[in-house]
PDB file of all heavy atoms in Angstrom:
ATOM      1  N   SER A   1      16.626 -75.150  20.129  1.00  0.00           N
ATOM      2  CA  SER A   1      15.966 -75.458  21.387  1.00  0.00           C
ATOM      3  C   SER A   1      14.467 -75.253  21.231  1.00  0.00           C
ATOM      4  O   SER A   1      14.027 -74.321  20.546  1.00  0.00           O
ATOM      5  CB  SER A   1      16.516 -74.597  22.517  1.00  0.00           C
ATOM      6  OG  SER A   1      17.894 -74.887  22.733  1.00  0.00           O
ATOM      7  N   TYR A   2      13.712 -76.054  21.927  1.00  0.00           N
ATOM      8  CA  TYR A   2      12.273 -76.117  21.725  1.00  0.00           C
ATOM      9  C   TYR A   2      11.586 -76.028  23.093  1.00  0.00           C
ATOM     10  O   TYR A   2      12.086 -76.578  24.068  1.00  0.00           O
ATOM     11  CB  TYR A   2      11.955 -77.435  21.039  1.00  0.00           C
ATOM     12  CG  TYR A   2      10.659 -77.558  20.320  1.00  0.00           C
ATOM     13  CD1 TYR A   2      10.431 -76.863  19.104  1.00  0.00           C
ATOM     14  CD2 TYR A   2       9.656 -78.372  20.786  1.00  0.00           C
ATOM     15  CE1 TYR A   2       9.267 -77.029  18.425  1.00  0.00           C
ATOM     16  CE2 TYR A   2       8.481 -78.542  20.093  1.00  0.00           C
ATOM     17  CZ  TYR A   2       8.277 -77.853  18.914  1.00  0.00           C
ATOM     18  OH  TYR A   2       7.088 -77.988  18.233  1.00  0.00           O
ATOM     19  N   PHE A   3      10.431 -75.344  23.162  1.00  0.00           N
ATOM     20  CA  PHE A   3       9.717 -75.223  24.412  1.00  0.00           C
ATOM     21  C   PHE A   3      10.630 -74.673  25.538  1.00  0.00           C
ATOM     22  O   PHE A   3      10.803 -75.290  26.580  1.00  0.00           O
ATOM     23  CB  PHE A   3       9.116 -76.542  24.865  1.00  0.00           C
ATOM     24  CG  PHE A   3       8.064 -77.067  23.942  1.00  0.00           C
ATOM     25  CD1 PHE A   3       8.060 -78.397  23.571  1.00  0.00           C
ATOM     26  CD2 PHE A   3       7.079 -76.253  23.435  1.00  0.00           C
ATOM     27  CE1 PHE A   3       7.090 -78.900  22.731  1.00  0.00           C
ATOM     28  CE2 PHE A   3       6.119 -76.735  22.579  1.00  0.00           C
ATOM     29  CZ  PHE A   3       6.099 -78.055  22.223  1.00  0.00           C
ATOM     30  N   ALA A   4      11.248 -73.498  25.254  1.00  0.00           N
ATOM     31  CA  ALA A   4      12.092 -72.834  26.260  1.00  0.00           C
ATOM     32  C   ALA A   4      13.209 -73.744  26.778  1.00  0.00           C
ATOM     33  O   ALA A   4      13.399 -73.878  27.990  1.00  0.00           O
ATOM     34  CB  ALA A   4      11.245 -72.285  27.401  1.00  0.00           C
ATOM     35  N   ASN A   5      13.905 -74.406  25.844  1.00  0.00           N
ATOM     36  CA  ASN A   5      15.074 -75.266  26.150  1.00  0.00           C
ATOM     37  C   ASN A   5      14.728 -76.580  26.816  1.00  0.00           C
ATOM     38  O   ASN A   5      15.612 -77.273  27.299  1.00  0.00           O
ATOM     39  CB  ASN A   5      16.092 -74.501  27.003  1.00  0.00           C
ATOM     40  CG  ASN A   5      16.653 -73.287  26.297  1.00  0.00           C
ATOM     41  OD1 ASN A   5      16.890 -73.318  25.092  1.00  0.00           O
ATOM     42  ND2 ASN A   5      16.876 -72.210  27.056  1.00  0.00           N
ATOM     43  N   ILE A   6      13.426 -76.955  26.871  1.00  0.00           N
ATOM     44  CA  ILE A   6      13.068 -78.231  27.437  1.00  0.00           C
ATOM     45  C   ILE A   6      13.472 -79.356  26.490  1.00  0.00           C
ATOM     46  O   ILE A   6      13.944 -80.415  26.911  1.00  0.00           O
ATOM     47  CB  ILE A   6      11.579 -78.281  27.752  1.00  0.00           C
ATOM     48  CG1 ILE A   6      11.226 -77.276  28.860  1.00  0.00           C
ATOM     49  CG2 ILE A   6      11.126 -79.685  28.157  1.00  0.00           C
ATOM     50  CD1 ILE A   6       9.759 -77.173  29.155  1.00  0.00           C
ATOM     51  N   ALA A   7      13.269 -79.146  25.191  1.00  0.00           N
ATOM     52  CA  ALA A   7      13.564 -80.162  24.200  1.00  0.00           C
ATOM     53  C   ALA A   7      14.653 -79.674  23.267  1.00  0.00           C
ATOM     54  O   ALA A   7      14.850 -78.466  23.091  1.00  0.00           O
ATOM     55  CB  ALA A   7      12.319 -80.509  23.407  1.00  0.00           C
ATOM     56  N   ASN A   8      15.381 -80.586  22.672  1.00  0.00           N
ATOM     57  CA  ASN A   8      16.428 -80.269  21.717  1.00  0.00           C
ATOM     58  C   ASN A   8      16.139 -80.899  20.375  1.00  0.00           C
ATOM     59  O   ASN A   8      15.684 -82.054  20.281  1.00  0.00           O
ATOM     60  CB  ASN A   8      17.789 -80.781  22.226  1.00  0.00           C
ATOM     61  CG  ASN A   8      18.258 -80.008  23.444  1.00  0.00           C
ATOM     62  OD1 ASN A   8      18.390 -78.793  23.395  1.00  0.00           O
ATOM     63  ND2 ASN A   8      18.522 -80.720  24.533  1.00  0.00           N
ATOM     64  N   TYR A   9      16.392 -80.126  19.332  1.00  0.00           N
ATOM     65  CA  TYR A   9      16.138 -80.570  17.949  1.00  0.00           C
ATOM     66  C   TYR A   9      17.458 -80.454  17.195  1.00  0.00           C
ATOM     67  O   TYR A   9      18.009 -79.350  17.042  1.00  0.00           O
ATOM     68  CB  TYR A   9      15.057 -79.677  17.334  1.00  0.00           C
ATOM     69  CG  TYR A   9      14.672 -80.086  15.933  1.00  0.00           C
ATOM     70  CD1 TYR A   9      14.082 -81.324  15.697  1.00  0.00           C
ATOM     71  CD2 TYR A   9      14.848 -79.229  14.848  1.00  0.00           C
ATOM     72  CE1 TYR A   9      13.668 -81.691  14.411  1.00  0.00           C
ATOM     73  CE2 TYR A   9      14.462 -79.584  13.561  1.00  0.00           C
ATOM     74  CZ  TYR A   9      13.873 -80.814  13.356  1.00  0.00           C
ATOM     75  OH  TYR A   9      13.505 -81.190  12.085  1.00  0.00           O
ATOM     76  N   ASP A  10      18.010 -81.577  16.757  1.00  0.00           N
ATOM     77  CA  ASP A  10      19.330 -81.627  16.137  1.00  0.00           C
ATOM     78  C   ASP A  10      19.262 -82.340  14.785  1.00  0.00           C
ATOM     79  O   ASP A  10      18.482 -83.262  14.593  1.00  0.00           O
ATOM     80  CB  ASP A  10      20.337 -82.342  17.030  1.00  0.00           C
ATOM     81  CG  ASP A  10      20.524 -81.619  18.354  1.00  0.00           C
ATOM     82  OD1 ASP A  10      21.100 -80.532  18.347  1.00  0.00           O
ATOM     83  OD2 ASP A  10      20.081 -82.145  19.387  1.00  0.00           O
ATOM     84  N   TYR A  11      20.127 -81.878  13.879  1.00  0.00           N
ATOM     85  CA  TYR A  11      20.101 -82.404  12.498  1.00  0.00           C
ATOM     86  C   TYR A  11      21.499 -82.390  11.938  1.00  0.00           C
ATOM     87  O   TYR A  11      22.282 -81.424  12.145  1.00  0.00           O
ATOM     88  CB  TYR A  11      19.175 -81.513  11.671  1.00  0.00           C
ATOM     89  CG  TYR A  11      19.381 -81.530  10.192  1.00  0.00           C
ATOM     90  CD1 TYR A  11      18.933 -82.606   9.396  1.00  0.00           C
ATOM     91  CD2 TYR A  11      19.993 -80.463   9.532  1.00  0.00           C
ATOM     92  CE1 TYR A  11      19.106 -82.599   8.041  1.00  0.00           C
ATOM     93  CE2 TYR A  11      20.169 -80.430   8.157  1.00  0.00           C
ATOM     94  CZ  TYR A  11      19.716 -81.511   7.429  1.00  0.00           C
ATOM     95  OH  TYR A  11      19.883 -81.504   6.042  1.00  0.00           O
ATOM     96  N   ILE A  12      21.871 -83.466  11.236  1.00  0.00           N
ATOM     97  CA  ILE A  12      23.153 -83.535  10.505  1.00  0.00           C
ATOM     98  C   ILE A  12      22.902 -84.241   9.194  1.00  0.00           C
ATOM     99  O   ILE A  12      22.110 -85.207   9.141  1.00  0.00           O
ATOM    100  CB  ILE A  12      24.248 -84.245  11.343  1.00  0.00           C
ATOM    101  CG1 ILE A  12      25.560 -84.259  10.567  1.00  0.00           C
ATOM    102  CG2 ILE A  12      23.819 -85.664  11.713  1.00  0.00           C
ATOM    103  CD1 ILE A  12      26.737 -84.741  11.409  1.00  0.00           C
ATOM    104  N   ALA A  13      23.538 -83.765   8.137  1.00  0.00           N
ATOM    105  CA  ALA A  13      23.324 -84.368   6.838  1.00  0.00           C
ATOM    106  C   ALA A  13      24.586 -84.245   5.988  1.00  0.00           C
ATOM    107  O   ALA A  13      25.373 -83.318   6.178  1.00  0.00           O
ATOM    108  CB  ALA A  13      22.135 -83.745   6.112  1.00  0.00           C
ATOM    109  N   GLY A  14      24.761 -85.181   5.068  1.00  0.00           N
ATOM    110  CA  GLY A  14      25.838 -85.117   4.112  1.00  0.00           C
ATOM    111  C   GLY A  14      25.332 -85.509   2.738  1.00  0.00           C
ATOM    112  O   GLY A  14      24.446 -86.352   2.626  1.00  0.00           O
ATOM    113  N   ALA A  15      25.854 -84.879   1.692  1.00  0.00           N
ATOM    114  CA  ALA A  15      25.399 -85.152   0.342  1.00  0.00           C
ATOM    115  C   ALA A  15      26.583 -85.091  -0.607  1.00  0.00           C
ATOM    116  O   ALA A  15      27.563 -84.394  -0.365  1.00  0.00           O
ATOM    117  CB  ALA A  15      24.317 -84.160  -0.088  1.00  0.00           C
ATOM    118  N   MET A  16      26.470 -85.850  -1.711  1.00  0.00           N
ATOM    119  CA  MET A  16      27.544 -85.865  -2.702  1.00  0.00           C
ATOM    120  C   MET A  16      26.973 -86.208  -4.091  1.00  0.00           C
ATOM    121  O   MET A  16      26.053 -87.021  -4.195  1.00  0.00           O
ATOM    122  CB  MET A  16      28.629 -86.879  -2.321  1.00  0.00           C
ATOM    123  CG  MET A  16      28.138 -88.324  -2.254  1.00  0.00           C
ATOM    124  SD  MET A  16      29.418 -89.514  -1.811  1.00  0.00           S
ATOM    125  CE  MET A  16      30.481 -89.404  -3.232  1.00  0.00           C
ATOM    126  N   PRO A  17      27.483 -85.567  -5.124  1.00  0.00           N
ATOM    127  CA  PRO A  17      27.094 -85.990  -6.470  1.00  0.00           C
ATOM    128  C   PRO A  17      27.826 -87.280  -6.846  1.00  0.00           C
ATOM    129  O   PRO A  17      29.023 -87.433  -6.576  1.00  0.00           O
ATOM    130  CB  PRO A  17      27.559 -84.820  -7.347  1.00  0.00           C
ATOM    131  CG  PRO A  17      28.614 -84.122  -6.543  1.00  0.00           C
ATOM    132  CD  PRO A  17      28.325 -84.362  -5.120  1.00  0.00           C
ATOM    133  N   LEU A  18      27.099 -88.216  -7.430  1.00  0.00           N
ATOM    134  CA  LEU A  18      27.724 -89.461  -7.891  1.00  0.00           C
ATOM    135  C   LEU A  18      28.382 -89.272  -9.251  1.00  0.00           C
ATOM    136  O   LEU A  18      29.457 -89.779  -9.524  1.00  0.00           O
ATOM    137  CB  LEU A  18      26.693 -90.569  -7.964  1.00  0.00           C
ATOM    138  CG  LEU A  18      26.067 -91.007  -6.608  1.00  0.00           C
ATOM    139  CD1 LEU A  18      25.021 -92.088  -6.838  1.00  0.00           C
ATOM    140  CD2 LEU A  18      27.136 -91.507  -5.655  1.00  0.00           C
ATOM    141  N   ASP A  19      27.676 -88.587 -10.122  1.00  0.00           N
ATOM    142  CA  ASP A  19      28.166 -88.261 -11.447  1.00  0.00           C
ATOM    143  C   ASP A  19      27.319 -87.093 -11.956  1.00  0.00           C
ATOM    144  O   ASP A  19      26.638 -86.440 -11.174  1.00  0.00           O
ATOM    145  CB  ASP A  19      28.088 -89.466 -12.408  1.00  0.00           C
ATOM    146  CG  ASP A  19      26.727 -90.152 -12.363  1.00  0.00           C
ATOM    147  OD1 ASP A  19      25.681 -89.422 -12.348  1.00  0.00           O
ATOM    148  OD2 ASP A  19      26.658 -91.390 -12.347  1.00  0.00           O
ATOM    149  N   ARG A  20      27.350 -86.808 -13.233  1.00  0.00           N
ATOM    150  CA  ARG A  20      26.584 -85.656 -13.763  1.00  0.00           C
ATOM    151  C   ARG A  20      25.108 -85.925 -13.801  1.00  0.00           C
ATOM    152  O   ARG A  20      24.320 -85.001 -14.022  1.00  0.00           O
ATOM    153  CB  ARG A  20      27.114 -85.325 -15.168  1.00  0.00           C
ATOM    154  CG  ARG A  20      28.578 -84.884 -15.190  1.00  0.00           C
ATOM    155  CD  ARG A  20      28.995 -84.519 -16.601  1.00  0.00           C
ATOM    156  NE  ARG A  20      28.248 -83.369 -17.102  1.00  0.00           N
ATOM    157  CZ  ARG A  20      28.418 -82.860 -18.343  1.00  0.00           C
ATOM    158  NH1 ARG A  20      29.321 -83.385 -19.139  1.00  0.00           N
ATOM    159  NH2 ARG A  20      27.701 -81.816 -18.722  1.00  0.00           N
ATOM    160  N   GLU A  21      24.709 -87.173 -13.560  1.00  0.00           N
ATOM    161  CA  GLU A  21      23.300 -87.521 -13.705  1.00  0.00           C
ATOM    162  C   GLU A  21      22.628 -87.944 -12.407  1.00  0.00           C
ATOM    163  O   GLU A  21      21.430 -88.200 -12.396  1.00  0.00           O
ATOM    164  CB  GLU A  21      23.143 -88.673 -14.744  1.00  0.00           C
ATOM    165  CG  GLU A  21      23.599 -88.310 -16.143  1.00  0.00           C
ATOM    166  CD  GLU A  21      22.807 -87.145 -16.745  1.00  0.00           C
ATOM    167  OE1 GLU A  21      21.572 -87.096 -16.465  1.00  0.00           O
ATOM    168  OE2 GLU A  21      23.407 -86.345 -17.454  1.00  0.00           O
ATOM    169  N   SER A  22      23.364 -88.033 -11.273  1.00  0.00           N
ATOM    170  CA  SER A  22      22.753 -88.516 -10.042  1.00  0.00           C
ATOM    171  C   SER A  22      23.530 -88.017  -8.827  1.00  0.00           C
ATOM    172  O   SER A  22      24.669 -87.604  -8.914  1.00  0.00           O
ATOM    173  CB  SER A  22      22.718 -90.084 -10.037  1.00  0.00           C
ATOM    174  OG  SER A  22      24.022 -90.586 -10.129  1.00  0.00           O
ATOM    175  N   ALA A  23      22.834 -88.066  -7.689  1.00  0.00           N
ATOM    176  CA  ALA A  23      23.421 -87.609  -6.415  1.00  0.00           C
ATOM    177  C   ALA A  23      22.737 -88.364  -5.281  1.00  0.00           C
ATOM    178  O   ALA A  23      21.604 -88.838  -5.441  1.00  0.00           O
ATOM    179  CB  ALA A  23      23.256 -86.113  -6.242  1.00  0.00           C
ATOM    180  N   VAL A  24      23.424 -88.430  -4.125  1.00  0.00           N
ATOM    181  CA  VAL A  24      22.880 -89.127  -2.948  1.00  0.00           C
ATOM    182  C   VAL A  24      23.110 -88.259  -1.700  1.00  0.00           C
ATOM    183  O   VAL A  24      23.941 -87.363  -1.701  1.00  0.00           O
ATOM    184  CB  VAL A  24      23.519 -90.514  -2.730  1.00  0.00           C
ATOM    185  CG1 VAL A  24      23.178 -91.447  -3.859  1.00  0.00           C
ATOM    186  CG2 VAL A  24      25.019 -90.378  -2.553  1.00  0.00           C
ATOM    187  N   ALA A  25      22.347 -88.570  -0.669  1.00  0.00           N
ATOM    188  CA  ALA A  25      22.515 -87.852   0.617  1.00  0.00           C
ATOM    189  C   ALA A  25      22.039 -88.793   1.732  1.00  0.00           C
ATOM    190  O   ALA A  25      21.264 -89.702   1.522  1.00  0.00           O
ATOM    191  CB  ALA A  25      21.699 -86.555   0.621  1.00  0.00           C
ATOM    192  N   PHE A  26      22.546 -88.504   2.937  1.00  0.00           N
ATOM    193  CA  PHE A  26      22.108 -89.211   4.126  1.00  0.00           C
ATOM    194  C   PHE A  26      21.949 -88.191   5.238  1.00  0.00           C
ATOM    195  O   PHE A  26      22.810 -87.321   5.422  1.00  0.00           O
ATOM    196  CB  PHE A  26      23.138 -90.283   4.535  1.00  0.00           C
ATOM    197  CG  PHE A  26      22.714 -91.068   5.754  1.00  0.00           C
ATOM    198  CD1 PHE A  26      21.724 -92.015   5.666  1.00  0.00           C
ATOM    199  CD2 PHE A  26      23.323 -90.851   6.991  1.00  0.00           C
ATOM    200  CE1 PHE A  26      21.330 -92.747   6.788  1.00  0.00           C
ATOM    201  CE2 PHE A  26      22.933 -91.555   8.112  1.00  0.00           C
ATOM    202  CZ  PHE A  26      21.925 -92.509   8.012  1.00  0.00           C
ATOM    203  N   SER A  27      20.876 -88.308   5.999  1.00  0.00           N
ATOM    204  CA  SER A  27      20.624 -87.318   7.059  1.00  0.00           C
ATOM    205  C   SER A  27      20.052 -88.025   8.285  1.00  0.00           C
ATOM    206  O   SER A  27      19.419 -89.068   8.204  1.00  0.00           O
ATOM    207  CB  SER A  27      19.658 -86.228   6.582  1.00  0.00           C
ATOM    208  OG  SER A  27      18.430 -86.788   6.135  1.00  0.00           O
ATOM    209  N   VAL A  28      20.291 -87.379   9.438  1.00  0.00           N
ATOM    210  CA  VAL A  28      19.786 -87.873  10.727  1.00  0.00           C
ATOM    211  C   VAL A  28      19.152 -86.702  11.468  1.00  0.00           C
ATOM    212  O   VAL A  28      19.753 -85.618  11.557  1.00  0.00           O
ATOM    213  CB  VAL A  28      20.906 -88.477  11.589  1.00  0.00           C
ATOM    214  CG1 VAL A  28      20.347 -88.971  12.932  1.00  0.00           C
ATOM    215  CG2 VAL A  28      21.588 -89.615  10.858  1.00  0.00           C
ATOM    216  N   ILE A  29      17.965 -86.904  11.989  1.00  0.00           N
ATOM    217  CA  ILE A  29      17.266 -85.903  12.804  1.00  0.00           C
ATOM    218  C   ILE A  29      16.945 -86.518  14.155  1.00  0.00           C
ATOM    219  O   ILE A  29      16.524 -87.686  14.234  1.00  0.00           O
ATOM    220  CB  ILE A  29      15.947 -85.455  12.120  1.00  0.00           C
ATOM    221  CG1 ILE A  29      16.233 -84.734  10.809  1.00  0.00           C
ATOM    222  CG2 ILE A  29      15.157 -84.521  13.059  1.00  0.00           C
ATOM    223  CD1 ILE A  29      14.987 -84.358  10.039  1.00  0.00           C
ATOM    224  N   ARG A  30      17.182 -85.755  15.253  1.00  0.00           N
ATOM    225  CA  ARG A  30      16.771 -86.174  16.573  1.00  0.00           C
ATOM    226  C   ARG A  30      16.000 -85.073  17.240  1.00  0.00           C
ATOM    227  O   ARG A  30      16.435 -83.924  17.289  1.00  0.00           O
ATOM    228  CB  ARG A  30      18.000 -86.529  17.467  1.00  0.00           C
ATOM    229  CG  ARG A  30      17.594 -87.003  18.858  1.00  0.00           C
ATOM    230  CD  ARG A  30      18.801 -87.198  19.760  1.00  0.00           C
ATOM    231  NE  ARG A  30      18.452 -87.810  21.037  1.00  0.00           N
ATOM    232  CZ  ARG A  30      18.090 -87.133  22.136  1.00  0.00           C
ATOM    233  NH1 ARG A  30      18.015 -85.801  22.086  1.00  0.00           N
ATOM    234  NH2 ARG A  30      17.774 -87.750  23.252  1.00  0.00           N
ATOM    235  N   PHE A  31      14.848 -85.437  17.767  1.00  0.00           N
ATOM    236  CA  PHE A  31      14.042 -84.516  18.572  1.00  0.00           C
ATOM    237  C   PHE A  31      13.778 -85.204  19.902  1.00  0.00           C
ATOM    238  O   PHE A  31      13.168 -86.279  19.940  1.00  0.00           O
ATOM    239  CB  PHE A  31      12.738 -84.191  17.855  1.00  0.00           C
ATOM    240  CG  PHE A  31      11.838 -83.274  18.642  1.00  0.00           C
ATOM    241  CD1 PHE A  31      12.063 -81.903  18.646  1.00  0.00           C
ATOM    242  CD2 PHE A  31      10.776 -83.757  19.380  1.00  0.00           C
ATOM    243  CE1 PHE A  31      11.256 -81.038  19.354  1.00  0.00           C
ATOM    244  CE2 PHE A  31       9.963 -82.903  20.111  1.00  0.00           C
ATOM    245  CZ  PHE A  31      10.209 -81.546  20.097  1.00  0.00           C
TER     246      PHE A  31
END
């Protein structure tokens, strides 16, 4: 919570290794 609960800041993310040489992730942020 931000500014005494006036605003909300939320985040979700997921990540996974593709193989031994690479990895990916996706994330979403809302303010």
